[in-house]
Amino acid sequence: MADNFKLRIDGDDEQVLSAISSIREQSEQTKQVAAEFHNKVEDVKKKVVATGDLVKRSVDDQINDVLMKLESVTSESDKQAETVQEAYKQAVKSMKNFHTRSRALLGKGRPSDITREADELHDRATELLSMSSDVTAVKYCPPHVTFTPADVTQVKCLSLIGELTTEDQQPGKT
């Protein structure tokens, strides 16, 4: 009976290791998307400042307002990325703990220990794999940020430097 449980634990452990790999891959993708987002934010900042330089001092307040909104969007997006990364870390930690526990049981446990703990370990593996699906379904999607400079020749307009717009992106969109 312990041999049967050993096979099941081995199978569960293989699935958990595969899930760890998948989560790590998504974690790396999230880091890359976040870095690309920050590069885009830097490009937007450069446009804002370049356009602002063409306008009289009276638009300094508008420049600051736009940059503050951009920083707010960036800060909020960073918090979201951090939340996703934390969920990934927690999932990996839980799965590694499972892996360590199952390996220790299989390596040093007596048949009676294996028999006694097999169902609990199987339930935990099932729970971890379900959690893995939930965790990997959560993606970091920074908002789409663009800056549209105003026509600086239209000095009579209230928004002299342009407007910052953001769009939340759905997972899978670029």
N, C-alpha and C. Protein backbone atom coordinates (compact mmCIF):
# COMPACT_ATOMS: atom_id res chain seq x y z
N MET A 1 0.83 -1.19 0.00
CA MET A 1 0.00 0.00 0.00
C MET A 1 0.87 1.26 0.00
N ALA A 2 1.95 1.23 0.78
CA ALA A 2 2.86 2.38 0.82
C ALA A 2 3.47 2.62 -0.55
N ASP A 3 3.76 1.54 -1.27
CA ASP A 3 4.31 1.71 -2.61
C ASP A 3 3.33 2.44 -3.51
N ASN A 4 2.07 2.13 -3.40
CA ASN A 4 1.05 2.85 -4.19
C ASN A 4 1.02 4.32 -3.81
N PHE A 5 1.09 4.57 -2.52
CA PHE A 5 1.10 5.97 -2.07
C PHE A 5 2.36 6.69 -2.54
N LYS A 6 3.48 5.97 -2.53
CA LYS A 6 4.72 6.57 -3.01
C LYS A 6 4.57 7.00 -4.47
N LEU A 7 3.98 6.14 -5.28
CA LEU A 7 3.77 6.48 -6.70
C LEU A 7 2.89 7.72 -6.83
N ARG A 8 1.85 7.76 -6.04
CA ARG A 8 0.94 8.92 -6.11
C ARG A 8 1.65 10.19 -5.65
N ILE A 9 2.42 10.09 -4.59
CA ILE A 9 3.17 11.25 -4.10
C ILE A 9 4.18 11.70 -5.14
N ASP A 10 4.86 10.75 -5.76
CA ASP A 10 5.81 11.10 -6.83
C ASP A 10 5.10 11.83 -7.96
N GLY A 11 3.95 11.34 -8.34
CA GLY A 11 3.18 11.99 -9.42
C GLY A 11 2.75 13.39 -9.03
N ASP A 12 2.27 13.51 -7.81
CA ASP A 12 1.86 14.85 -7.33
C ASP A 12 3.06 15.79 -7.31
N ASP A 13 4.17 15.29 -6.85
CA ASP A 13 5.37 16.12 -6.75
C ASP A 13 5.83 16.57 -8.13
N GLU A 14 5.77 15.69 -9.11
CA GLU A 14 6.14 16.08 -10.47
C GLU A 14 5.25 17.20 -10.98
N GLN A 15 3.96 17.11 -10.70
CA GLN A 15 3.04 18.17 -11.12
C GLN A 15 3.35 19.48 -10.40
N VAL A 16 3.69 19.40 -9.14
CA VAL A 16 4.02 20.60 -8.38
C VAL A 16 5.29 21.24 -8.94
N LEU A 17 6.30 20.44 -9.22
CA LEU A 17 7.53 20.97 -9.81
C LEU A 17 7.25 21.63 -11.15
N SER A 18 6.39 21.04 -11.94
CA SER A 18 6.01 21.64 -13.22
C SER A 18 5.30 22.97 -13.00
N ALA A 19 4.45 23.03 -12.00
CA ALA A 19 3.74 24.27 -11.69
C ALA A 19 4.72 25.35 -11.22
N ILE A 20 5.72 24.96 -10.44
CA ILE A 20 6.74 25.92 -10.00
C ILE A 20 7.43 26.51 -11.22
N SER A 21 7.79 25.68 -12.16
CA SER A 21 8.44 26.15 -13.38
C SER A 21 7.56 27.12 -14.14
N SER A 22 6.29 26.80 -14.23
CA SER A 22 5.34 27.66 -14.94
C SER A 22 5.21 29.02 -14.25
N ILE A 23 5.13 29.00 -12.95
CA ILE A 23 5.00 30.25 -12.20
C ILE A 23 6.27 31.09 -12.34
N ARG A 24 7.39 30.44 -12.26
CA ARG A 24 8.65 31.19 -12.42
C ARG A 24 8.72 31.84 -13.80
N GLU A 25 8.27 31.12 -14.82
CA GLU A 25 8.27 31.68 -16.18
C GLU A 25 7.35 32.90 -16.25
N GLN A 26 6.18 32.79 -15.66
CA GLN A 26 5.27 33.93 -15.66
C GLN A 26 5.85 35.08 -14.84
N SER A 27 6.55 34.77 -13.79
CA SER A 27 7.18 35.81 -12.98
C SER A 27 8.20 36.58 -13.82
N GLU A 28 9.01 35.86 -14.58
CA GLU A 28 9.98 36.52 -15.45
C GLU A 28 9.29 37.36 -16.51
N GLN A 29 8.20 36.85 -17.07
CA GLN A 29 7.46 37.61 -18.07
C GLN A 29 6.91 38.89 -17.44
N THR A 30 6.43 38.79 -16.22
CA THR A 30 5.91 39.97 -15.53
C THR A 30 7.00 41.01 -15.32
N LYS A 31 8.18 40.56 -14.93
CA LYS A 31 9.30 41.48 -14.76
C LYS A 31 9.61 42.20 -16.08
N GLN A 32 9.59 41.45 -17.17
CA GLN A 32 9.88 42.03 -18.48
C GLN A 32 8.81 43.04 -18.88
N VAL A 33 7.54 42.70 -18.69
CA VAL A 33 6.45 43.62 -19.02
C VAL A 33 6.55 44.88 -18.17
N ALA A 34 6.88 44.72 -16.89
CA ALA A 34 7.02 45.88 -16.01
C ALA A 34 8.18 46.77 -16.46
N ALA A 35 9.29 46.17 -16.89
CA ALA A 35 10.43 46.95 -17.37
C ALA A 35 10.06 47.70 -18.65
N GLU A 36 9.35 47.03 -19.54
CA GLU A 36 8.91 47.69 -20.77
C GLU A 36 7.96 48.84 -20.45
N PHE A 37 7.09 48.63 -19.47
CA PHE A 37 6.18 49.70 -19.05
C PHE A 37 6.97 50.90 -18.54
N HIS A 38 7.99 50.65 -17.73
CA HIS A 38 8.79 51.75 -17.20
C HIS A 38 9.53 52.49 -18.33
N ASN A 39 10.00 51.77 -19.33
CA ASN A 39 10.63 52.42 -20.48
C ASN A 39 9.63 53.31 -21.21
N LYS A 40 8.42 52.82 -21.37
CA LYS A 40 7.37 53.62 -22.02
C LYS A 40 7.08 54.86 -21.19
N VAL A 41 7.02 54.70 -19.86
CA VAL A 41 6.77 55.85 -18.97
C VAL A 41 7.89 56.87 -19.15
N GLU A 42 9.12 56.42 -19.24
CA GLU A 42 10.24 57.35 -19.43
C GLU A 42 10.11 58.09 -20.75
N ASP A 43 9.69 57.40 -21.81
CA ASP A 43 9.47 58.07 -23.10
C ASP A 43 8.37 59.12 -22.98
N VAL A 44 7.32 58.78 -22.27
CA VAL A 44 6.22 59.74 -22.08
C VAL A 44 6.72 60.96 -21.30
N LYS A 45 7.52 60.73 -20.27
CA LYS A 45 8.06 61.84 -19.49
C LYS A 45 8.86 62.79 -20.39
N LYS A 46 9.68 62.22 -21.27
CA LYS A 46 10.49 63.04 -22.17
C LYS A 46 9.61 63.89 -23.09
N LYS A 47 8.54 63.31 -23.61
CA LYS A 47 7.62 64.08 -24.45
C LYS A 47 6.97 65.22 -23.67
N VAL A 48 6.56 64.92 -22.45
CA VAL A 48 5.90 65.93 -21.63
C VAL A 48 6.85 67.11 -21.40
N VAL A 49 8.09 66.81 -21.02
CA VAL A 49 9.05 67.87 -20.73
C VAL A 49 9.41 68.64 -22.00
N ALA A 50 9.62 67.94 -23.13
CA ALA A 50 9.98 68.61 -24.38
C ALA A 50 8.87 69.55 -24.84
N THR A 51 7.65 69.11 -24.73
CA THR A 51 6.52 69.97 -25.11
C THR A 51 6.40 71.14 -24.15
N GLY A 52 6.57 70.89 -22.87
CA GLY A 52 6.48 71.94 -21.85
C GLY A 52 7.52 73.04 -22.05
N ASP A 53 8.71 72.65 -22.57
CA ASP A 53 9.76 73.65 -22.80
C ASP A 53 9.36 74.67 -23.86
N LEU A 54 8.44 74.32 -24.74
CA LEU A 54 8.01 75.23 -25.80
C LEU A 54 6.94 76.22 -25.34
N VAL A 55 6.41 75.98 -24.19
CA VAL A 55 5.30 76.79 -23.70
C VAL A 55 5.82 77.75 -22.62
N LYS A 56 5.15 78.88 -22.46
CA LYS A 56 5.56 79.88 -21.46
C LYS A 56 5.48 79.33 -20.04
N ARG A 57 6.07 80.06 -19.12
CA ARG A 57 6.10 79.65 -17.72
C ARG A 57 4.71 79.40 -17.15
N SER A 58 3.71 80.00 -17.71
CA SER A 58 2.37 79.86 -17.15
C SER A 58 1.83 78.43 -17.23
N VAL A 59 2.48 77.58 -18.01
CA VAL A 59 1.99 76.20 -18.11
C VAL A 59 2.73 75.25 -17.17
N ASP A 60 3.65 75.78 -16.37
CA ASP A 60 4.40 74.91 -15.46
C ASP A 60 3.48 74.10 -14.54
N ASP A 61 2.41 74.73 -14.09
CA ASP A 61 1.48 74.00 -13.23
C ASP A 61 0.86 72.82 -13.97
N GLN A 62 0.53 73.03 -15.27
CA GLN A 62 -0.05 71.93 -16.05
C GLN A 62 0.95 70.80 -16.24
N ILE A 63 2.19 71.15 -16.48
CA ILE A 63 3.23 70.12 -16.63
C ILE A 63 3.32 69.29 -15.34
N ASN A 64 3.37 69.99 -14.23
CA ASN A 64 3.47 69.29 -12.96
C ASN A 64 2.25 68.40 -12.72
N ASP A 65 1.06 68.90 -13.08
CA ASP A 65 -0.15 68.09 -12.91
C ASP A 65 -0.08 66.80 -13.72
N VAL A 66 0.37 66.91 -14.97
CA VAL A 66 0.46 65.73 -15.82
C VAL A 66 1.49 64.75 -15.28
N LEU A 67 2.64 65.27 -14.88
CA LEU A 67 3.69 64.39 -14.33
C LEU A 67 3.24 63.73 -13.03
N MET A 68 2.51 64.45 -12.21
CA MET A 68 2.01 63.85 -10.97
C MET A 68 1.01 62.74 -11.28
N LYS A 69 0.15 62.95 -12.28
CA LYS A 69 -0.79 61.90 -12.67
C LYS A 69 -0.03 60.68 -13.19
N LEU A 70 0.99 60.94 -14.00
CA LEU A 70 1.80 59.84 -14.53
C LEU A 70 2.49 59.08 -13.42
N GLU A 71 3.04 59.80 -12.45
CA GLU A 71 3.67 59.14 -11.31
C GLU A 71 2.66 58.33 -10.52
N SER A 72 1.46 58.88 -10.39
CA SER A 72 0.41 58.16 -9.67
C SER A 72 0.05 56.86 -10.40
N VAL A 73 -0.07 56.95 -11.72
CA VAL A 73 -0.38 55.75 -12.52
C VAL A 73 0.76 54.74 -12.39
N THR A 74 1.99 55.25 -12.47
CA THR A 74 3.16 54.37 -12.34
C THR A 74 3.18 53.72 -10.96
N SER A 75 2.94 54.51 -9.94
CA SER A 75 2.93 53.98 -8.58
C SER A 75 1.86 52.91 -8.41
N GLU A 76 0.68 53.18 -8.91
CA GLU A 76 -0.42 52.21 -8.81
C GLU A 76 -0.08 50.94 -9.58
N SER A 77 0.51 51.12 -10.77
CA SER A 77 0.89 49.96 -11.58
C SER A 77 1.97 49.15 -10.88
N ASP A 78 2.93 49.85 -10.26
CA ASP A 78 3.98 49.16 -9.51
C ASP A 78 3.39 48.33 -8.37
N LYS A 79 2.39 48.91 -7.69
CA LYS A 79 1.74 48.17 -6.61
C LYS A 79 1.08 46.91 -7.15
N GLN A 80 0.43 47.03 -8.30
CA GLN A 80 -0.23 45.87 -8.89
C GLN A 80 0.80 44.81 -9.28
N ALA A 81 1.91 45.24 -9.89
CA ALA A 81 2.97 44.29 -10.27
C ALA A 81 3.54 43.61 -9.03
N GLU A 82 3.73 44.40 -7.98
CA GLU A 82 4.27 43.84 -6.74
C GLU A 82 3.32 42.82 -6.13
N THR A 83 2.02 43.11 -6.20
CA THR A 83 1.02 42.18 -5.68
C THR A 83 1.06 40.86 -6.45
N VAL A 84 1.15 40.95 -7.77
CA VAL A 84 1.22 39.74 -8.60
C VAL A 84 2.49 38.97 -8.28
N GLN A 85 3.61 39.69 -8.18
CA GLN A 85 4.88 39.03 -7.88
C GLN A 85 4.83 38.35 -6.50
N GLU A 86 4.21 39.01 -5.55
CA GLU A 86 4.11 38.43 -4.20
C GLU A 86 3.28 37.14 -4.24
N ALA A 87 2.20 37.16 -5.02
CA ALA A 87 1.39 35.95 -5.15
C ALA A 87 2.21 34.81 -5.76
N TYR A 88 3.01 35.15 -6.78
CA TYR A 88 3.88 34.15 -7.39
C TYR A 88 4.88 33.60 -6.37
N LYS A 89 5.50 34.50 -5.60
CA LYS A 89 6.50 34.07 -4.61
C LYS A 89 5.86 33.15 -3.57
N GLN A 90 4.68 33.53 -3.09
CA GLN A 90 4.00 32.72 -2.08
C GLN A 90 3.67 31.33 -2.63
N ALA A 91 3.20 31.29 -3.87
CA ALA A 91 2.85 30.01 -4.47
C ALA A 91 4.09 29.13 -4.59
N VAL A 92 5.17 29.71 -5.06
CA VAL A 92 6.41 28.95 -5.21
C VAL A 92 6.90 28.47 -3.85
N LYS A 93 6.83 29.33 -2.85
CA LYS A 93 7.27 28.95 -1.51
C LYS A 93 6.45 27.78 -0.98
N SER A 94 5.14 27.86 -1.12
CA SER A 94 4.28 26.77 -0.65
C SER A 94 4.59 25.48 -1.38
N MET A 95 4.80 25.58 -2.67
CA MET A 95 5.09 24.37 -3.46
C MET A 95 6.46 23.80 -3.12
N LYS A 96 7.43 24.66 -2.87
CA LYS A 96 8.75 24.17 -2.48
C LYS A 96 8.67 23.47 -1.12
N ASN A 97 7.88 24.04 -0.21
CA ASN A 97 7.70 23.40 1.10
C ASN A 97 7.08 22.01 0.93
N PHE A 98 6.08 21.93 0.03
CA PHE A 98 5.47 20.63 -0.24
C PHE A 98 6.52 19.66 -0.77
N HIS A 99 7.29 20.14 -1.72
CA HIS A 99 8.32 19.30 -2.34
C HIS A 99 9.30 18.80 -1.26
N THR A 100 9.76 19.71 -0.41
CA THR A 100 10.71 19.32 0.64
C THR A 100 10.09 18.29 1.57
N ARG A 101 8.84 18.54 1.96
CA ARG A 101 8.16 17.62 2.88
C ARG A 101 7.96 16.25 2.23
N SER A 102 7.52 16.23 0.98
CA SER A 102 7.27 14.94 0.33
C SER A 102 8.57 14.17 0.10
N ARG A 103 9.62 14.88 -0.25
CA ARG A 103 10.92 14.23 -0.46
C ARG A 103 11.43 13.65 0.87
N ALA A 104 11.28 14.41 1.95
CA ALA A 104 11.74 13.93 3.26
C ALA A 104 10.95 12.69 3.67
N LEU A 105 9.65 12.73 3.44
CA LEU A 105 8.82 11.58 3.80
C LEU A 105 9.22 10.36 2.99
N LEU A 106 9.39 10.55 1.69
CA LEU A 106 9.75 9.41 0.84
C LEU A 106 11.17 8.91 1.13
N GLY A 107 12.06 9.83 1.50
CA GLY A 107 13.45 9.45 1.74
C GLY A 107 13.69 8.85 3.10
N LYS A 108 13.02 9.36 4.11
CA LYS A 108 13.33 8.95 5.48
C LYS A 108 12.14 8.34 6.21
N GLY A 109 10.97 8.47 5.63
CA GLY A 109 9.78 7.99 6.32
C GLY A 109 9.64 6.48 6.30
N ARG A 110 9.08 5.99 7.34
CA ARG A 110 8.78 4.56 7.41
C ARG A 110 7.51 4.31 6.60
N PRO A 111 7.28 3.10 6.19
CA PRO A 111 6.04 2.81 5.46
C PRO A 111 4.80 3.26 6.22
N SER A 112 4.82 3.15 7.52
CA SER A 112 3.66 3.58 8.30
C SER A 112 3.50 5.10 8.24
N ASP A 113 4.63 5.83 8.22
CA ASP A 113 4.57 7.29 8.09
C ASP A 113 3.98 7.67 6.72
N ILE A 114 4.47 6.99 5.70
CA ILE A 114 4.00 7.27 4.33
C ILE A 114 2.51 6.98 4.23
N THR A 115 2.11 5.85 4.74
CA THR A 115 0.69 5.48 4.68
C THR A 115 -0.17 6.48 5.44
N ARG A 116 0.30 6.90 6.60
CA ARG A 116 -0.47 7.83 7.43
C ARG A 116 -0.57 9.22 6.76
N GLU A 117 0.48 9.67 6.10
CA GLU A 117 0.50 11.03 5.58
C GLU A 117 0.16 11.14 4.10
N ALA A 118 0.00 10.04 3.43
CA ALA A 118 -0.21 10.06 1.97
C ALA A 118 -1.45 10.84 1.56
N ASP A 119 -2.56 10.57 2.22
CA ASP A 119 -3.80 11.28 1.85
C ASP A 119 -3.67 12.78 2.10
N GLU A 120 -3.10 13.13 3.23
CA GLU A 120 -2.92 14.56 3.55
C GLU A 120 -2.01 15.23 2.51
N LEU A 121 -0.92 14.56 2.15
CA LEU A 121 -0.02 15.11 1.14
C LEU A 121 -0.70 15.22 -0.22
N HIS A 122 -1.46 14.22 -0.55
CA HIS A 122 -2.19 14.27 -1.83
C HIS A 122 -3.18 15.43 -1.83
N ASP A 123 -3.91 15.59 -0.75
CA ASP A 123 -4.86 16.70 -0.66
C ASP A 123 -4.13 18.03 -0.79
N ARG A 124 -2.98 18.13 -0.13
CA ARG A 124 -2.20 19.38 -0.20
C ARG A 124 -1.69 19.61 -1.62
N ALA A 125 -1.24 18.57 -2.30
CA ALA A 125 -0.77 18.72 -3.68
C ALA A 125 -1.91 19.18 -4.58
N THR A 126 -3.08 18.59 -4.38
CA THR A 126 -4.26 19.00 -5.16
C THR A 126 -4.58 20.46 -4.90
N GLU A 127 -4.53 20.85 -3.64
CA GLU A 127 -4.79 22.25 -3.27
C GLU A 127 -3.76 23.18 -3.91
N LEU A 128 -2.48 22.79 -3.84
CA LEU A 128 -1.42 23.61 -4.42
C LEU A 128 -1.57 23.74 -5.93
N LEU A 129 -1.92 22.67 -6.57
CA LEU A 129 -2.08 22.71 -8.03
C LEU A 129 -3.27 23.57 -8.42
N SER A 130 -4.33 23.51 -7.63
CA SER A 130 -5.49 24.37 -7.87
C SER A 130 -5.10 25.83 -7.66
N MET A 131 -4.36 26.07 -6.58
CA MET A 131 -3.89 27.42 -6.30
C MET A 131 -2.97 27.89 -7.42
N SER A 132 -2.16 27.00 -7.95
CA SER A 132 -1.26 27.35 -9.04
C SER A 132 -2.04 27.87 -10.24
N SER A 133 -3.14 27.22 -10.55
CA SER A 133 -3.97 27.67 -11.66
C SER A 133 -4.55 29.05 -11.36
N ASP A 134 -4.99 29.25 -10.13
CA ASP A 134 -5.53 30.55 -9.74
C ASP A 134 -4.45 31.63 -9.82
N VAL A 135 -3.26 31.31 -9.33
CA VAL A 135 -2.17 32.29 -9.31
C VAL A 135 -1.72 32.62 -10.72
N THR A 136 -1.58 31.62 -11.55
CA THR A 136 -1.09 31.89 -12.91
C THR A 136 -2.15 32.55 -13.76
N ALA A 137 -3.39 32.52 -13.33
CA ALA A 137 -4.44 33.22 -14.08
C ALA A 137 -4.35 34.73 -13.85
N VAL A 138 -3.70 35.13 -12.77
CA VAL A 138 -3.55 36.55 -12.47
C VAL A 138 -2.32 37.06 -13.22
N LYS A 139 -2.54 38.04 -14.07
CA LYS A 139 -1.45 38.58 -14.87
C LYS A 139 -1.27 40.06 -14.52
N TYR A 140 -0.06 40.50 -14.66
CA TYR A 140 0.23 41.93 -14.50
C TYR A 140 0.02 42.59 -15.85
N CYS A 141 -0.87 43.52 -15.90
CA CYS A 141 -1.16 44.25 -17.13
C CYS A 141 -1.14 45.75 -16.82
N PRO A 142 0.00 46.38 -17.09
CA PRO A 142 0.06 47.81 -16.80
C PRO A 142 -0.88 48.57 -17.74
N PRO A 143 -1.34 49.73 -17.30
CA PRO A 143 -2.20 50.50 -18.18
C PRO A 143 -1.40 50.99 -19.39
N HIS A 144 -2.08 51.19 -20.48
CA HIS A 144 -1.44 51.75 -21.68
C HIS A 144 -1.35 53.25 -21.47
N VAL A 145 -0.15 53.77 -21.53
CA VAL A 145 0.06 55.19 -21.27
C VAL A 145 0.52 55.87 -22.55
N THR A 146 -0.16 56.95 -22.90
CA THR A 146 0.27 57.75 -24.04
C THR A 146 0.22 59.22 -23.64
N PHE A 147 0.97 60.00 -24.34
CA PHE A 147 0.93 61.43 -24.13
C PHE A 147 0.67 62.08 -25.48
N THR A 148 -0.36 62.90 -25.54
CA THR A 148 -0.69 63.61 -26.76
C THR A 148 -0.41 65.09 -26.53
N PRO A 149 0.66 65.58 -27.15
CA PRO A 149 0.98 66.99 -26.96
C PRO A 149 -0.10 67.89 -27.57
N ALA A 150 -0.31 69.02 -26.92
CA ALA A 150 -1.26 70.00 -27.44
C ALA A 150 -0.60 70.77 -28.59
N ASP A 151 -1.42 71.37 -29.41
CA ASP A 151 -0.92 72.29 -30.44
C ASP A 151 -0.52 73.57 -29.72
N VAL A 152 0.79 73.76 -29.55
CA VAL A 152 1.26 74.88 -28.74
C VAL A 152 0.95 76.24 -29.36
N THR A 153 0.53 76.25 -30.60
CA THR A 153 0.16 77.52 -31.21
C THR A 153 -1.21 77.99 -30.73
N GLN A 154 -1.95 77.10 -30.15
CA GLN A 154 -3.28 77.44 -29.64
C GLN A 154 -3.17 77.84 -28.16
N VAL A 155 -2.54 78.97 -27.90
CA VAL A 155 -2.25 79.41 -26.54
C VAL A 155 -3.53 79.66 -25.75
N LYS A 156 -4.62 79.93 -26.42
CA LYS A 156 -5.85 80.24 -25.71
C LYS A 156 -6.49 79.02 -25.06
N CYS A 157 -6.04 77.84 -25.44
CA CYS A 157 -6.61 76.61 -24.86
C CYS A 157 -6.20 76.49 -23.38
N LEU A 158 -7.04 75.89 -22.61
CA LEU A 158 -6.72 75.70 -21.20
C LEU A 158 -5.63 74.65 -20.99
N SER A 159 -5.65 73.61 -21.79
CA SER A 159 -4.66 72.55 -21.66
C SER A 159 -3.56 72.81 -22.68
N LEU A 160 -2.55 73.55 -22.28
CA LEU A 160 -1.53 74.00 -23.23
C LEU A 160 -0.48 72.94 -23.56
N ILE A 161 -0.26 71.99 -22.72
CA ILE A 161 0.80 71.03 -23.00
C ILE A 161 0.29 69.69 -23.51
N GLY A 162 -0.96 69.40 -23.34
CA GLY A 162 -1.50 68.11 -23.78
C GLY A 162 -2.18 67.39 -22.65
N GLU A 163 -2.48 66.15 -22.90
CA GLU A 163 -3.23 65.37 -21.93
C GLU A 163 -2.66 63.97 -21.83
N LEU A 164 -2.55 63.50 -20.63
CA LEU A 164 -2.10 62.14 -20.38
C LEU A 164 -3.33 61.24 -20.33
N THR A 165 -3.29 60.17 -21.10
CA THR A 165 -4.38 59.19 -21.05
C THR A 165 -3.79 57.83 -20.71
N THR A 166 -4.57 57.06 -20.00
CA THR A 166 -4.15 55.70 -19.66
C THR A 166 -5.32 54.77 -19.97
N GLU A 167 -4.97 53.56 -20.35
CA GLU A 167 -5.97 52.52 -20.61
C GLU A 167 -5.50 51.26 -19.92
N ASP A 168 -6.39 50.66 -19.17
CA ASP A 168 -6.05 49.36 -18.58
C ASP A 168 -6.07 48.34 -19.69
N GLN A 169 -5.04 47.51 -19.72
CA GLN A 169 -4.95 46.47 -20.75
C GLN A 169 -5.43 45.16 -20.16
N GLN A 170 -6.05 44.36 -21.02
CA GLN A 170 -6.51 43.04 -20.61
C GLN A 170 -5.35 42.06 -20.79
N PRO A 171 -5.31 41.01 -19.99
CA PRO A 171 -4.25 40.00 -20.18
C PRO A 171 -4.25 39.52 -21.63
N GLY A 172 -3.04 39.44 -22.16
CA GLY A 172 -2.90 38.95 -23.54
C GLY A 172 -2.81 40.07 -24.54
N LYS A 173 -3.26 41.29 -24.21
CA LYS A 173 -3.15 42.43 -25.12
C LYS A 173 -1.80 43.07 -24.95
N THR A 174 -1.31 43.68 -25.99
CA THR A 174 -0.05 44.41 -25.89
C THR A 174 -0.25 45.85 -26.26
